[in-house]
Amino acid sequence: MLENIACIRGGRMLFQNLSCGLAAGDVLHLSGPNGSGKTSLLRIMAGALPAAAGKILWGGSDFLKNGPEEHAGRIAFLPSDDRNLKILETANENIRFWAQLGGDTTRCADVLSRMNLSRLAHTPVQRLSAGQRRRLSIARILLNDRPLWLLDEPFNGLDAASMTLFRDILDAHVAQGGMAVIASHHALKPPKSGALRHVELGAVA
């Protein structure tokens, strides 16, 4: 999927000649120190940041050459923080806003339930804990059936029970043929189906 990708930020080469395959049912774990380019690679894959070189091939099409619009409906992106939440609105209002932008409005109650947020549906986000806010952000990617999840530090703020819940949701996604690229400092367990691949950025050869 990735062929000789390079990324330059602030005049510094973060990585180059990065190649990695990704098939249906696979999880790709991106690790490495802060500043090594994990978030930049996710943003390149999301079409939010240009690559300095290389290709991203998907279904025989060069994603970088043809533009992100071609695959935008197949990608769900979770940023590392929850600043995209509207803190004065409730959890339910946030989910409905996202659903109207590009999800399925009939799933709002279901995704809140899956993330154990039903009892907090009418609570303003500013009153939610960091872990609850993180679960609300994760709920957003469940509003549709996009095959590729790009997840930046998805475990931030989650307690042990919420981590287990998220891993179960991830397992279900890849079991149905979905894919995930996860930037995380946490060790990842192999999915119950599919393969766990690993790329370490900033590694000294």
Protein backbone atom coordinates (compact mmCIF):
# COMPACT_ATOMS: atom_id res chain seq x y z
CA MET A 1 0.00 0.00 0.00
CA LEU A 2 2.81 2.45 0.94
CA GLU A 3 5.65 2.76 -1.56
CA ASN A 4 8.79 4.77 -0.76
CA ILE A 5 6.94 7.45 1.19
CA ALA A 6 9.01 10.40 2.40
CA CYS A 7 8.02 13.24 4.71
CA ILE A 8 9.74 16.57 5.29
CA ARG A 9 8.53 18.93 8.04
CA GLY A 10 10.19 22.22 8.91
CA GLY A 11 13.04 21.47 6.54
CA ARG A 12 13.82 18.18 8.31
CA MET A 13 13.45 14.73 6.79
CA LEU A 14 11.30 12.74 9.21
CA PHE A 15 11.40 9.53 7.19
CA GLN A 16 12.02 8.34 3.65
CA ASN A 17 11.79 5.18 1.54
CA LEU A 18 8.98 3.92 3.78
CA SER A 19 7.14 0.98 2.25
CA CYS A 20 4.57 -1.28 3.87
CA GLY A 21 1.70 -3.46 2.71
CA LEU A 22 -1.74 -3.47 4.29
CA ALA A 23 -4.51 -5.90 3.43
CA ALA A 24 -8.10 -6.35 4.54
CA GLY A 25 -8.16 -7.49 8.15
CA ASP A 26 -4.71 -6.08 8.98
CA VAL A 27 -3.60 -3.71 11.72
CA LEU A 28 -0.47 -1.60 11.22
CA HIS A 29 1.18 -0.35 14.41
CA LEU A 30 3.25 2.83 14.07
CA SER A 31 5.71 3.32 16.92
CA GLY A 32 8.65 5.60 17.56
CA PRO A 33 9.65 8.57 19.70
CA ASN A 34 7.82 11.87 19.67
CA GLY A 35 8.71 13.82 16.56
CA SER A 36 9.54 10.75 14.50
CA GLY A 37 6.65 11.32 12.10
CA LYS A 38 3.85 9.03 13.29
CA THR A 39 1.17 11.71 13.16
CA SER A 40 2.58 13.09 9.91
CA LEU A 41 2.30 9.67 8.26
CA LEU A 42 -1.32 9.35 9.38
CA ARG A 43 -2.07 12.81 8.01
CA ILE A 44 -0.43 11.90 4.69
CA MET A 45 -2.62 8.79 4.52
CA ALA A 46 -5.67 10.90 5.37
CA GLY A 47 -4.87 13.34 2.57
CA ALA A 48 -4.31 16.22 5.00
CA LEU A 49 -0.55 16.52 4.41
CA PRO A 50 1.44 16.14 1.19
CA ALA A 51 4.19 13.55 0.99
CA ALA A 52 7.64 14.63 -0.19
CA ALA A 53 7.88 11.48 -2.30
CA GLY A 54 6.30 8.09 -2.85
CA LYS A 55 2.95 6.50 -3.59
CA ILE A 56 -0.03 5.19 -1.68
CA LEU A 57 -1.70 2.51 -3.76
CA TRP A 58 -5.26 1.42 -3.02
CA GLY A 59 -7.28 -0.66 -5.42
CA GLY A 60 -4.75 -0.02 -8.16
CA SER A 61 -5.10 3.76 -7.80
CA ASP A 62 -2.37 6.15 -6.64
CA PHE A 63 -4.01 7.97 -3.75
CA LEU A 64 -1.43 10.78 -3.69
CA LYS A 65 -1.55 11.38 -7.44
CA ASN A 66 -5.33 11.34 -7.83
CA GLY A 67 -6.13 13.34 -4.71
CA PRO A 68 -7.68 12.42 -1.35
CA GLU A 69 -11.24 13.00 -2.54
CA GLU A 70 -11.14 9.67 -4.36
CA HIS A 71 -10.84 7.74 -1.09
CA ALA A 72 -12.24 10.22 1.45
CA GLY A 73 -15.39 8.16 1.92
CA ARG A 74 -13.32 5.09 2.80
CA ILE A 75 -11.23 6.63 5.59
CA ALA A 76 -12.03 7.45 9.23
CA PHE A 77 -9.45 9.57 11.08
CA LEU A 78 -9.11 9.88 14.87
CA PRO A 79 -6.75 12.68 15.99
CA SER A 80 -4.58 12.35 19.08
CA ASP A 81 -6.55 14.93 21.05
CA ASP A 82 -10.23 15.72 21.48
CA ARG A 83 -10.22 19.39 20.54
CA ASN A 84 -12.74 18.66 17.79
CA LEU A 85 -15.41 18.21 20.45
CA LYS A 86 -17.86 21.06 21.02
CA ILE A 87 -17.52 21.36 24.79
CA LEU A 88 -20.68 23.40 25.38
CA GLU A 89 -22.84 20.83 23.60
CA THR A 90 -23.88 17.42 24.87
CA ALA A 91 -22.40 14.10 23.83
CA ASN A 92 -25.52 13.37 21.79
CA GLU A 93 -25.42 16.78 20.09
CA ASN A 94 -21.79 16.20 19.11
CA ILE A 95 -22.55 12.79 17.64
CA ARG A 96 -25.56 14.11 15.73
CA PHE A 97 -23.49 16.96 14.31
CA TRP A 98 -20.86 14.52 13.00
CA ALA A 99 -23.51 12.16 11.66
CA GLN A 100 -25.10 14.97 9.67
CA LEU A 101 -21.70 15.85 8.19
CA GLY A 102 -21.03 12.41 6.82
CA GLY A 103 -22.25 9.56 8.96
CA ASP A 104 -25.51 7.74 9.57
CA THR A 105 -27.91 9.66 11.83
CA THR A 106 -29.76 6.44 12.66
CA ARG A 107 -26.64 5.14 14.43
CA CYS A 108 -26.24 7.92 16.98
CA ALA A 109 -27.80 6.09 19.92
CA ASP A 110 -26.07 2.84 18.95
CA VAL A 111 -22.54 4.25 18.82
CA LEU A 112 -23.00 5.99 22.17
CA SER A 113 -24.15 2.67 23.61
CA ARG A 114 -21.20 0.79 22.13
CA MET A 115 -18.82 3.22 23.85
CA ASN A 116 -20.75 3.00 27.16
CA LEU A 117 -21.88 6.63 26.91
CA SER A 118 -25.67 6.24 26.82
CA ARG A 119 -26.17 7.53 30.37
CA LEU A 120 -24.05 10.57 29.47
CA ALA A 121 -25.79 11.33 26.19
CA HIS A 122 -27.31 14.57 27.49
CA THR A 123 -24.27 15.67 29.50
CA PRO A 124 -22.30 18.67 28.19
CA VAL A 125 -18.85 17.66 27.00
CA GLN A 126 -17.19 20.13 29.37
CA ARG A 127 -18.45 17.97 32.25
CA LEU A 128 -17.04 14.73 30.84
CA SER A 129 -13.76 13.25 32.05
CA ALA A 130 -10.77 12.91 29.71
CA GLY A 131 -11.55 9.22 29.20
CA GLN A 132 -15.21 9.88 28.47
CA ARG A 133 -14.26 12.53 25.92
CA ARG A 134 -11.90 10.08 24.28
CA ARG A 135 -14.64 7.48 24.03
CA LEU A 136 -16.91 10.09 22.47
CA SER A 137 -14.28 10.86 19.83
CA ILE A 138 -13.91 7.14 19.11
CA ALA A 139 -17.69 6.87 18.74
CA ARG A 140 -17.43 9.21 15.77
CA ILE A 141 -15.58 6.65 13.63
CA LEU A 142 -18.38 4.14 14.28
CA LEU A 143 -20.99 6.29 12.55
CA ASN A 144 -20.24 4.72 9.18
CA ASP A 145 -18.56 1.66 7.70
CA ARG A 146 -15.33 3.13 6.38
CA PRO A 147 -12.82 0.32 5.82
CA LEU A 148 -9.62 2.17 6.80
CA TRP A 149 -9.24 3.59 10.29
CA LEU A 150 -6.35 6.00 10.93
CA LEU A 151 -5.99 6.28 14.69
CA ASP A 152 -3.58 8.63 16.45
CA GLU A 153 -2.93 7.55 20.05
CA PRO A 154 -6.45 6.12 20.49
CA PHE A 155 -5.68 4.92 24.04
CA ASN A 156 -5.04 8.45 25.38
CA GLY A 157 -7.05 8.95 28.56
CA LEU A 158 -8.64 5.50 28.53
CA ASP A 159 -8.73 3.34 31.64
CA ALA A 160 -8.16 -0.42 31.50
CA ALA A 161 -11.83 -1.24 30.95
CA SER A 162 -12.14 1.28 28.12
CA MET A 163 -8.96 -0.05 26.50
CA THR A 164 -10.47 -3.53 26.49
CA LEU A 165 -13.70 -2.14 25.04
CA PHE A 166 -11.81 -0.38 22.26
CA ARG A 167 -9.75 -3.49 21.46
CA ASP A 168 -12.98 -5.49 21.12
CA ILE A 169 -14.37 -2.88 18.72
CA LEU A 170 -11.12 -2.93 16.74
CA ASP A 171 -11.23 -6.74 16.56
CA ALA A 172 -14.78 -6.58 15.20
CA HIS A 173 -13.74 -4.01 12.59
CA VAL A 174 -10.86 -6.08 11.21
CA ALA A 175 -12.86 -9.32 11.43
CA GLN A 176 -15.25 -7.75 8.92
CA GLY A 177 -12.38 -6.97 6.54
CA GLY A 178 -11.54 -3.53 7.86
CA MET A 179 -8.02 -2.16 8.26
CA ALA A 180 -6.44 0.07 10.88
CA VAL A 181 -3.24 2.10 11.11
CA ILE A 182 -2.56 2.97 14.73
CA ALA A 183 0.08 5.35 16.07
CA SER A 184 0.56 4.40 19.69
CA HIS A 185 3.13 4.17 22.47
CA HIS A 186 1.14 1.22 23.83
CA ALA A 187 1.93 -2.33 22.80
CA LEU A 188 -0.77 -3.73 20.54
CA LYS A 189 -2.15 -7.24 20.68
CA PRO A 190 -2.56 -9.07 17.37
CA PRO A 191 -6.17 -8.95 16.13
CA LYS A 192 -8.16 -12.15 16.55
CA SER A 193 -8.26 -12.32 12.76
CA GLY A 194 -5.84 -10.79 10.29
CA ALA A 195 -2.25 -9.74 10.86
CA LEU A 196 -0.49 -7.22 13.08
CA ARG A 197 2.22 -5.36 11.19
CA HIS A 198 4.71 -2.99 12.75
CA VAL A 199 6.66 0.03 11.52
CA GLU A 200 9.04 1.82 13.87
CA LEU A 201 9.80 5.37 12.82
CA GLY A 202 12.98 7.08 13.92
CA ALA A 203 14.75 3.74 14.40
CA VAL A 204 18.53 3.81 14.11
CA ALA A 205 19.70 1.40 11.42
